Amino acid sequence: MTENNDILIAGAGIGGLTLALQLHRAGITCQVHEAAPDLIPIGAGVNLLPHSTAVLAELGLLDQLTAVALETKESAFYNRHGQLVYTEPAGRHAGHDTPQLSIHRGALQSVLLEAVRERLGADAVQLGSTVTTATSYDDRVEVTVAQTADQSVTRTISVSGVVGADGIHSALRKQLHPNDGAPLYSGVTMWRGVVRAPSFLTGGSMVRAGWLASGKMVIYPLTAPDADGTQLINWVAEVERARPTDREWSRVGQLEDFIDVFADWTFDWLDVPGLVSSTETILEYPMVDQDPLPYWGSGRITLLGDAAHPMVPRGSNGAGQAILDTRALRAALEAEATIEDAFAAYEAERVPATAAVVLTNRTNPPDAILREVYERTDDKPFGNIDDVISRDEITSLVRDYRHITGMQPSV
């Protein structure tokens, strides 16, 4: 980029912090404004697929991440009767150059925040600072920032460009797209939690079991087994329920609202109701997305991550696509002469790519394998899985999703 520039990033989530590291590596000055007064480790597990760990490795973060994460060995699919449908190696075990990592969202954010403060300075991330509006001019953007604790206290910051990485409730998305449609509820609510429990299967297995119509589970460990054989395990229960479409990641859920669905899920490889019932804090979230936008930004303003392309959390691609956004945006800023041209080039690449992921997550994410088994067996136990679905059909579903999401192994 030839013009002088400094970029304001709205939001210190996974996408915003990763972008700050990308810009720093490119020699572009940036500042991050985060509405939260403190970045506490909320949420549950995140699965980082190899396409996103490759980006984080380029930023020199792989050692720090593997120190607080678990390398996933395999993806395994079961029906709700505990019968194995399909298993495949994951990450490096599947030929990728970088691992698939299971990590607590708070641990991931902490690694990114520490790296940003170390490389960009202690004041690079300003907490309790809410970006409310941004106006793009020919040579700058005027940004209004309010104190989160007192919205009447505001200031105006003049920068060369603005990236809205301010999540699912993005103020900048609302400003840029005032007629944007409401969140679309999939008809499924998810409950999730993290609990220390005995290791299961390989100790590095990511399990998807059952199907949405009769209850589905995603379960994977986040840490290596301790001396007593226990691990920190993340679980997500997905059940068809009538629910409002409000979105709040920290909303507390109730065990009695869903545990009946999984009461008989006691298998020789895992006691699912025991695992879930022993969880201290349960969070509830409606599985929603929004229709893809035809464009994200305007002039010297653009969007990134959930602010740009909120998607149903299936296929482990929410955080991953935000991370891929950061690499594309950095490359565009390095290649183009102006911020306007860079933002336009970035959107030309990422708008259609992420739209395809959003739409595919609605219909044919990897767990569509389980949908096929559910429908073909009428949700009953099977004798031989090969009589239900062929290996070619399974690999075709998996291969198609990898292609759409930009994840192909190197060998």
Protein backbone atom coordinates (compact mmCIF):
# COMPACT_ATOMS: atom_id res chain seq x y z
CA MET A 1 0.00 0.00 0.00
CA THR A 2 1.37 3.39 -0.97
CA GLU A 3 -0.85 5.77 1.02
CA ASN A 4 -0.21 6.54 4.68
CA ASN A 5 -2.65 4.56 6.75
CA ASP A 6 -3.85 3.64 10.17
CA ILE A 7 -6.79 1.34 10.75
CA LEU A 8 -9.26 1.17 13.59
CA ILE A 9 -10.59 -2.30 14.41
CA ALA A 10 -13.93 -2.46 16.22
CA GLY A 11 -13.94 -5.58 18.40
CA ALA A 12 -11.30 -7.61 20.22
CA GLY A 13 -12.70 -11.03 19.52
CA ILE A 14 -10.86 -13.74 17.62
CA GLY A 15 -11.18 -11.97 14.28
CA GLY A 16 -10.30 -8.49 15.54
CA LEU A 17 -7.21 -9.57 17.48
CA THR A 18 -5.96 -11.79 14.66
CA LEU A 19 -6.39 -8.91 12.24
CA ALA A 20 -4.35 -6.63 14.52
CA LEU A 21 -1.50 -9.15 14.35
CA GLN A 22 -1.84 -9.37 10.55
CA LEU A 23 -1.69 -5.59 10.16
CA HIS A 24 1.29 -5.32 12.48
CA ARG A 25 3.13 -7.93 10.42
CA ALA A 26 2.36 -5.89 7.30
CA GLY A 27 3.67 -2.70 8.92
CA ILE A 28 0.23 -1.11 9.10
CA THR A 29 -0.60 0.91 12.20
CA CYS A 30 -3.82 -0.10 13.94
CA GLN A 31 -5.81 0.32 17.14
CA VAL A 32 -8.41 -2.04 18.59
CA HIS A 33 -11.51 -0.79 20.43
CA GLU A 34 -13.51 -3.31 22.47
CA ALA A 35 -16.84 -2.58 24.12
CA ALA A 36 -16.33 -5.03 27.00
CA PRO A 37 -14.62 -3.50 30.05
CA ASP A 38 -12.57 -6.67 30.49
CA LEU A 39 -11.86 -9.71 28.36
CA ILE A 40 -12.91 -12.54 30.62
CA PRO A 41 -12.79 -16.17 29.40
CA ILE A 42 -16.48 -16.68 28.59
CA GLY A 43 -17.96 -19.28 26.27
CA ALA A 44 -16.91 -22.85 25.70
CA GLY A 45 -14.83 -24.80 23.20
CA VAL A 46 -13.69 -23.80 19.73
CA ASN A 47 -12.39 -26.22 17.12
CA LEU A 48 -9.70 -24.70 14.91
CA LEU A 49 -9.46 -26.55 11.62
CA PRO A 50 -6.14 -26.76 9.74
CA HIS A 51 -7.00 -23.94 7.33
CA SER A 52 -7.15 -21.55 10.30
CA THR A 53 -4.23 -22.98 12.29
CA ALA A 54 -2.13 -22.50 9.15
CA VAL A 55 -2.88 -18.77 9.33
CA LEU A 56 -2.11 -18.65 13.05
CA ALA A 57 1.13 -20.54 12.40
CA GLU A 58 2.13 -17.87 9.87
CA LEU A 59 1.68 -15.35 12.68
CA GLY A 60 4.03 -17.32 14.93
CA LEU A 61 1.35 -18.44 17.38
CA LEU A 62 1.28 -22.20 16.96
CA ASP A 63 3.52 -23.03 19.93
CA GLN A 64 1.52 -20.79 22.27
CA LEU A 65 -1.74 -22.32 21.09
CA THR A 66 -0.67 -25.95 21.31
CA ALA A 67 0.47 -25.29 24.88
CA VAL A 68 -3.14 -24.55 25.94
CA ALA A 69 -5.04 -26.68 23.41
CA LEU A 70 -5.43 -30.31 22.41
CA GLU A 71 -4.50 -31.65 19.01
CA THR A 72 -7.54 -33.41 17.57
CA LYS A 73 -6.72 -36.88 16.28
CA GLU A 74 -9.94 -37.89 14.57
CA SER A 75 -13.49 -36.94 13.68
CA ALA A 76 -16.00 -39.65 14.56
CA PHE A 77 -19.69 -39.89 13.69
CA TYR A 78 -22.17 -42.02 15.66
CA ASN A 79 -25.92 -42.48 15.63
CA ARG A 80 -27.92 -41.84 18.81
CA HIS A 81 -27.66 -45.52 19.70
CA GLY A 82 -23.89 -45.23 20.03
CA GLN A 83 -23.13 -47.08 16.80
CA LEU A 84 -20.14 -45.91 14.79
CA VAL A 85 -21.05 -44.52 11.38
CA TYR A 86 -17.74 -43.13 10.14
CA THR A 87 -14.37 -42.00 11.40
CA GLU A 88 -11.54 -40.13 9.72
CA PRO A 89 -8.19 -38.71 10.82
CA ALA A 90 -7.97 -34.99 11.56
CA GLY A 91 -5.37 -32.27 11.07
CA ARG A 92 -1.81 -33.49 10.66
CA HIS A 93 -3.07 -37.06 10.95
CA ALA A 94 -5.01 -36.42 7.71
CA GLY A 95 -2.06 -34.92 5.83
CA HIS A 96 -2.41 -31.23 6.68
CA ASP A 97 0.67 -29.18 7.45
CA THR A 98 -0.81 -27.84 10.68
CA PRO A 99 -2.93 -29.50 13.37
CA GLN A 100 -6.61 -29.33 14.14
CA LEU A 101 -6.82 -27.84 17.63
CA SER A 102 -9.58 -28.01 20.22
CA ILE A 103 -9.30 -25.07 22.60
CA HIS A 104 -11.40 -23.08 25.05
CA ARG A 105 -12.48 -19.82 23.42
CA GLY A 106 -11.15 -17.89 26.41
CA ALA A 107 -7.74 -19.53 26.09
CA LEU A 108 -7.61 -18.70 22.36
CA GLN A 109 -8.57 -15.09 22.99
CA SER A 110 -5.97 -14.82 25.77
CA VAL A 111 -3.18 -16.05 23.49
CA LEU A 112 -4.18 -13.54 20.82
CA LEU A 113 -4.53 -10.66 23.29
CA GLU A 114 -1.14 -11.34 24.86
CA ALA A 115 0.48 -11.40 21.42
CA VAL A 116 -1.20 -8.14 20.39
CA ARG A 117 -0.09 -6.34 23.55
CA GLU A 118 3.43 -7.73 23.27
CA ARG A 119 3.88 -6.78 19.62
CA LEU A 120 1.76 -3.64 19.29
CA GLY A 121 2.04 -2.23 22.79
CA ALA A 122 0.13 -2.43 26.07
CA ASP A 123 -2.39 0.18 24.96
CA ALA A 124 -3.08 -1.33 21.52
CA VAL A 125 -6.40 -2.71 22.77
CA GLN A 126 -8.68 -0.15 24.40
CA LEU A 127 -11.31 -1.83 26.58
CA GLY A 128 -14.65 -0.32 27.55
CA SER A 129 -14.61 1.56 24.26
CA THR A 130 -17.65 1.10 22.02
CA VAL A 131 -17.53 2.04 18.34
CA THR A 132 -20.98 3.46 17.59
CA THR A 133 -20.73 5.05 14.13
CA ALA A 134 -18.23 5.60 11.34
CA THR A 135 -18.42 8.00 8.38
CA SER A 136 -16.22 7.43 5.35
CA TYR A 137 -14.77 10.42 3.46
CA ASP A 138 -12.41 10.57 0.48
CA ASP A 139 -9.29 10.63 2.64
CA ARG A 140 -10.32 9.40 6.11
CA VAL A 141 -12.99 7.89 8.35
CA GLU A 142 -14.46 9.76 11.29
CA VAL A 143 -15.30 7.28 14.05
CA THR A 144 -17.45 7.99 17.08
CA VAL A 145 -16.40 6.01 20.14
CA ALA A 146 -18.36 5.96 23.40
CA GLN A 147 -17.38 4.85 26.86
CA THR A 148 -19.21 1.60 27.45
CA ALA A 149 -19.85 2.53 31.08
CA ASP A 150 -21.31 5.93 30.10
CA GLN A 151 -22.55 6.16 26.53
CA SER A 152 -22.93 9.93 26.85
CA VAL A 153 -19.14 10.28 26.98
CA THR A 154 -17.94 10.16 23.38
CA ARG A 155 -14.97 11.16 21.28
CA THR A 156 -14.23 11.29 17.57
CA ILE A 157 -11.22 9.53 16.07
CA SER A 158 -9.95 10.20 12.56
CA VAL A 159 -8.33 7.19 10.85
CA SER A 160 -7.60 5.96 7.34
CA GLY A 161 -9.88 2.93 7.53
CA VAL A 162 -12.23 1.00 9.80
CA VAL A 163 -12.87 -2.73 10.10
CA GLY A 164 -15.99 -3.81 11.96
CA ALA A 165 -15.10 -7.02 13.77
CA ASP A 166 -17.69 -6.29 16.43
CA GLY A 167 -19.51 -9.60 16.28
CA ILE A 168 -23.09 -10.71 15.88
CA HIS A 169 -24.49 -7.49 17.34
CA SER A 170 -22.30 -5.31 15.13
CA ALA A 171 -23.16 -1.61 15.29
CA LEU A 172 -21.25 -1.03 12.06
CA ARG A 173 -23.19 -3.72 10.20
CA LYS A 174 -26.43 -2.08 11.33
CA GLN A 175 -25.17 1.29 10.14
CA LEU A 176 -24.02 -0.02 6.77
CA HIS A 177 -27.08 -2.23 6.24
CA PRO A 178 -30.04 -0.62 8.03
CA ASN A 179 -32.50 -2.84 6.15
CA ASP A 180 -30.64 -6.05 6.93
CA GLY A 181 -32.98 -8.92 7.73
CA ALA A 182 -33.51 -10.32 11.20
CA PRO A 183 -31.60 -13.37 12.42
CA LEU A 184 -33.01 -16.59 10.97
CA TYR A 185 -33.70 -19.30 13.53
CA SER A 186 -32.90 -22.80 12.33
CA GLY A 187 -35.44 -24.37 14.67
CA VAL A 188 -32.60 -25.79 16.77
CA THR A 189 -31.31 -24.57 20.13
CA MET A 190 -27.95 -25.58 21.46
CA TRP A 191 -26.83 -25.98 25.05
CA ARG A 192 -23.13 -26.25 25.79
CA GLY A 193 -20.75 -26.68 28.63
CA VAL A 194 -17.23 -27.59 29.68
CA VAL A 195 -16.57 -30.18 32.37
CA ARG A 196 -13.68 -32.27 33.66
CA ALA A 197 -14.43 -35.93 33.02
CA PRO A 198 -12.70 -39.24 32.19
CA SER A 199 -11.05 -39.51 28.79
CA PHE A 200 -13.03 -41.30 26.06
CA LEU A 201 -12.16 -43.03 22.78
CA THR A 202 -8.66 -41.89 21.64
CA GLY A 203 -8.46 -38.97 24.09
CA GLY A 204 -8.36 -36.73 21.02
CA SER A 205 -11.63 -37.61 19.31
CA MET A 206 -14.16 -35.06 18.09
CA VAL A 207 -17.51 -36.82 18.17
CA ARG A 208 -20.75 -35.89 16.41
CA ALA A 209 -23.61 -38.17 17.39
CA GLY A 210 -27.33 -38.42 16.65
CA TRP A 211 -29.36 -36.06 14.52
CA LEU A 212 -31.22 -32.80 15.17
CA ALA A 213 -34.70 -34.25 14.87
CA SER A 214 -34.15 -36.59 17.82
CA GLY A 215 -31.20 -34.90 19.52
CA LYS A 216 -27.60 -34.40 18.46
CA MET A 217 -24.36 -34.06 20.43
CA VAL A 218 -20.93 -32.67 19.59
CA ILE A 219 -18.31 -33.70 22.16
CA TYR A 220 -14.54 -33.21 22.22
CA PRO A 221 -11.75 -32.73 24.77
CA LEU A 222 -9.93 -29.42 25.16
CA THR A 223 -6.91 -30.54 27.18
CA ALA A 224 -4.63 -33.56 27.40
CA PRO A 225 -5.51 -36.20 30.02
CA ASP A 226 -4.29 -35.50 33.54
CA ALA A 227 -2.56 -38.09 35.67
CA ASP A 228 -5.96 -39.31 36.85
CA GLY A 229 -7.13 -39.85 33.26
CA THR A 230 -9.53 -36.92 33.17
CA GLN A 231 -9.72 -34.17 30.56
CA LEU A 232 -11.51 -30.86 30.16
CA ILE A 233 -14.29 -31.86 27.80
CA ASN A 234 -16.54 -29.61 25.72
CA TRP A 235 -20.03 -30.75 24.82
CA VAL A 236 -22.79 -29.19 22.71
CA ALA A 237 -26.37 -30.50 22.75
CA GLU A 238 -28.48 -29.57 19.72
CA VAL A 239 -32.25 -30.08 19.95
CA GLU A 240 -35.20 -28.92 17.88
CA ARG A 241 -37.05 -26.43 20.05
CA ALA A 242 -39.26 -23.37 19.68
CA ARG A 243 -37.05 -20.54 20.82
CA PRO A 244 -36.75 -16.78 20.29
CA THR A 245 -33.98 -15.62 17.98
CA ASP A 246 -32.21 -13.37 20.46
CA ARG A 247 -28.49 -14.03 20.50
CA GLU A 248 -26.46 -13.83 23.67
CA TRP A 249 -23.45 -16.13 24.04
CA SER A 250 -23.40 -15.90 27.84
CA ARG A 251 -27.08 -16.71 28.47
CA VAL A 252 -27.35 -19.42 31.14
CA GLY A 253 -29.33 -22.53 30.21
CA GLN A 254 -31.18 -25.09 32.30
CA LEU A 255 -30.41 -28.81 32.31
CA GLU A 256 -34.06 -29.79 32.54
CA ASP A 257 -34.83 -28.06 29.24
CA PHE A 258 -33.03 -30.73 27.21
CA ILE A 259 -31.55 -33.58 29.27
CA ASP A 260 -34.60 -35.80 28.68
CA VAL A 261 -33.56 -36.13 25.04
CA PHE A 262 -30.25 -37.74 26.04
CA ALA A 263 -31.37 -39.73 29.08
CA ASP A 264 -30.61 -43.13 27.46
CA TRP A 265 -27.36 -42.12 25.76
CA THR A 266 -25.22 -44.39 27.94
CA PHE A 267 -22.69 -46.09 25.70
CA ASP A 268 -19.70 -48.31 26.35
CA TRP A 269 -17.48 -45.45 25.15
CA LEU A 270 -19.19 -42.55 27.00
CA ASP A 271 -21.93 -41.81 29.56
CA VAL A 272 -23.47 -38.75 27.89
CA PRO A 273 -26.15 -37.90 30.49
CA GLY A 274 -23.58 -38.31 33.25
CA LEU A 275 -21.17 -35.97 31.46
CA VAL A 276 -23.80 -33.30 30.87
CA SER A 277 -25.40 -33.54 34.33
CA SER A 278 -22.05 -33.03 36.05
CA THR A 279 -21.48 -29.69 34.28
CA GLU A 280 -21.55 -26.71 36.62
CA THR A 281 -22.45 -23.97 34.12
CA ILE A 282 -24.60 -24.56 31.04
CA LEU A 283 -25.00 -21.94 28.31
CA GLU A 284 -27.92 -21.73 25.88
CA TYR A 285 -27.90 -20.27 22.39
CA PRO A 286 -30.35 -20.42 19.46
CA MET A 287 -28.74 -21.72 16.28
CA VAL A 288 -29.27 -18.76 13.98
CA ASP A 289 -27.62 -17.13 11.01
CA GLN A 290 -28.42 -14.31 8.59
CA ASP A 291 -28.78 -14.25 4.85
CA PRO A 292 -25.48 -13.38 3.15
CA LEU A 293 -25.00 -9.73 2.27
CA PRO A 294 -24.22 -8.70 -1.33
CA TYR A 295 -21.43 -6.49 0.01
CA TRP A 296 -20.06 -5.70 3.47
CA GLY A 297 -18.71 -2.17 3.56
CA SER A 298 -18.46 1.12 1.76
CA GLY A 299 -15.44 3.25 0.92
CA ARG A 300 -13.00 3.03 3.81
CA ILE A 301 -15.21 0.84 6.02
CA THR A 302 -15.59 -2.95 5.85
CA LEU A 303 -16.64 -5.88 8.05
CA LEU A 304 -15.00 -9.10 9.19
CA GLY A 305 -15.97 -12.33 10.94
CA ASP A 306 -19.38 -12.66 12.58
CA ALA A 307 -20.17 -9.02 11.83
CA ALA A 308 -19.87 -9.85 8.13
CA HIS A 309 -21.12 -13.43 7.87
CA PRO A 310 -22.85 -14.88 10.94
CA MET A 311 -23.42 -18.58 10.34
CA VAL A 312 -25.09 -21.55 11.98
CA PRO A 313 -22.38 -23.13 14.18
CA ARG A 314 -22.02 -26.39 12.30
CA GLY A 315 -18.83 -27.57 10.66
CA SER A 316 -16.41 -25.74 13.00
CA ASN A 317 -16.06 -22.81 10.62
CA GLY A 318 -17.24 -19.74 12.55
CA ALA A 319 -13.90 -18.71 14.05
CA GLY A 320 -12.02 -20.29 11.16
CA GLN A 321 -13.64 -18.16 8.49
CA ALA A 322 -12.94 -15.01 10.53
CA ILE A 323 -9.29 -16.01 10.68
CA LEU A 324 -9.26 -16.57 6.91
CA ASP A 325 -10.80 -13.12 6.50
CA THR A 326 -7.79 -11.58 8.25
CA ARG A 327 -5.29 -13.15 5.89
CA ALA A 328 -7.27 -12.04 2.83
CA LEU A 329 -7.59 -8.50 4.16
CA ARG A 330 -3.91 -8.21 4.93
CA ALA A 331 -3.00 -9.50 1.45
CA ALA A 332 -5.33 -6.98 -0.16
CA LEU A 333 -3.89 -4.10 1.87
CA GLU A 334 -0.38 -5.11 0.85
CA ALA A 335 -1.31 -5.42 -2.82
CA GLU A 336 -3.49 -2.36 -3.42
CA ALA A 337 -2.52 1.32 -3.52
CA THR A 338 -5.47 2.64 -1.50
CA ILE A 339 -7.58 1.43 1.37
CA GLU A 340 -10.73 1.72 -0.75
CA ASP A 341 -9.21 -0.55 -3.40
CA ALA A 342 -7.92 -2.96 -0.76
CA PHE A 343 -11.27 -3.24 0.97
CA ALA A 344 -13.00 -3.77 -2.40
CA ALA A 345 -10.54 -6.52 -3.36
CA TYR A 346 -10.93 -8.16 0.04
CA GLU A 347 -14.70 -8.22 -0.27
CA ALA A 348 -14.56 -9.47 -3.86
CA GLU A 349 -12.72 -12.53 -2.54
CA ARG A 350 -14.40 -13.14 0.80
CA VAL A 351 -18.06 -12.17 0.28
CA PRO A 352 -18.82 -15.05 -2.13
CA ALA A 353 -16.56 -17.49 -0.29
CA THR A 354 -18.20 -16.96 3.07
CA ALA A 355 -21.70 -16.81 1.58
CA ALA A 356 -21.13 -20.33 0.28
CA VAL A 357 -20.15 -21.49 3.77
CA VAL A 358 -23.20 -19.84 5.38
CA LEU A 359 -25.56 -21.52 2.93
CA THR A 360 -23.82 -24.89 3.08
CA ASN A 361 -23.92 -24.89 6.88
CA ARG A 362 -27.71 -24.69 6.57
CA THR A 363 -27.96 -27.74 4.35
CA ASN A 364 -24.90 -29.97 4.03
CA PRO A 365 -22.24 -29.49 6.71
CA PRO A 366 -20.20 -32.56 7.71
CA ASP A 367 -22.92 -33.81 10.06
CA ALA A 368 -25.22 -34.27 7.05
CA ILE A 369 -23.79 -37.79 7.16
CA LEU A 370 -25.83 -38.32 10.31
CA ARG A 371 -28.94 -36.89 8.69
CA GLU A 372 -28.69 -39.50 5.95
CA VAL A 373 -28.27 -42.31 8.46
CA TYR A 374 -31.18 -41.01 10.56
CA GLU A 375 -33.52 -40.85 7.59
CA ARG A 376 -32.50 -44.14 6.00
CA THR A 377 -32.74 -46.15 9.25
CA ASP A 378 -35.82 -44.34 10.55
CA ASP A 379 -33.71 -43.50 13.61
CA LYS A 380 -33.28 -47.18 14.51
CA PRO A 381 -30.12 -49.21 15.13
CA PHE A 382 -28.52 -50.66 12.02
CA GLY A 383 -26.87 -54.02 11.37
CA ASN A 384 -24.14 -52.96 8.94
CA ILE A 385 -23.45 -49.32 8.13
CA ASP A 386 -22.41 -50.22 4.59
CA ASP A 387 -25.99 -51.32 3.96
CA VAL A 388 -27.19 -47.85 5.01
CA ILE A 389 -24.76 -45.47 3.33
CA SER A 390 -21.76 -46.20 1.15
CA ARG A 391 -18.27 -45.00 1.92
CA ASP A 392 -18.27 -43.16 -1.41
CA GLU A 393 -21.35 -41.15 -0.38
CA ILE A 394 -19.77 -40.25 2.94
CA THR A 395 -16.46 -39.17 1.44
CA SER A 396 -18.31 -37.14 -1.19
CA LEU A 397 -20.19 -35.17 1.49
CA VAL A 398 -16.97 -34.56 3.42
CA ARG A 399 -14.97 -33.66 0.33
CA ASP A 400 -17.57 -31.18 -0.92
CA TYR A 401 -17.64 -29.36 2.42
CA ARG A 402 -13.85 -29.15 2.53
CA HIS A 403 -13.79 -27.65 -0.92
CA ILE A 404 -16.40 -25.01 -0.05
CA THR A 405 -14.71 -24.02 3.20
CA GLY A 406 -11.20 -23.89 1.73
CA MET A 407 -9.78 -26.82 3.67
CA GLN A 408 -7.88 -29.41 1.68
CA PRO A 409 -4.96 -31.47 2.99
CA SER A 410 -1.54 -30.97 1.42
CA VAL A 411 -1.20 -34.68 0.65
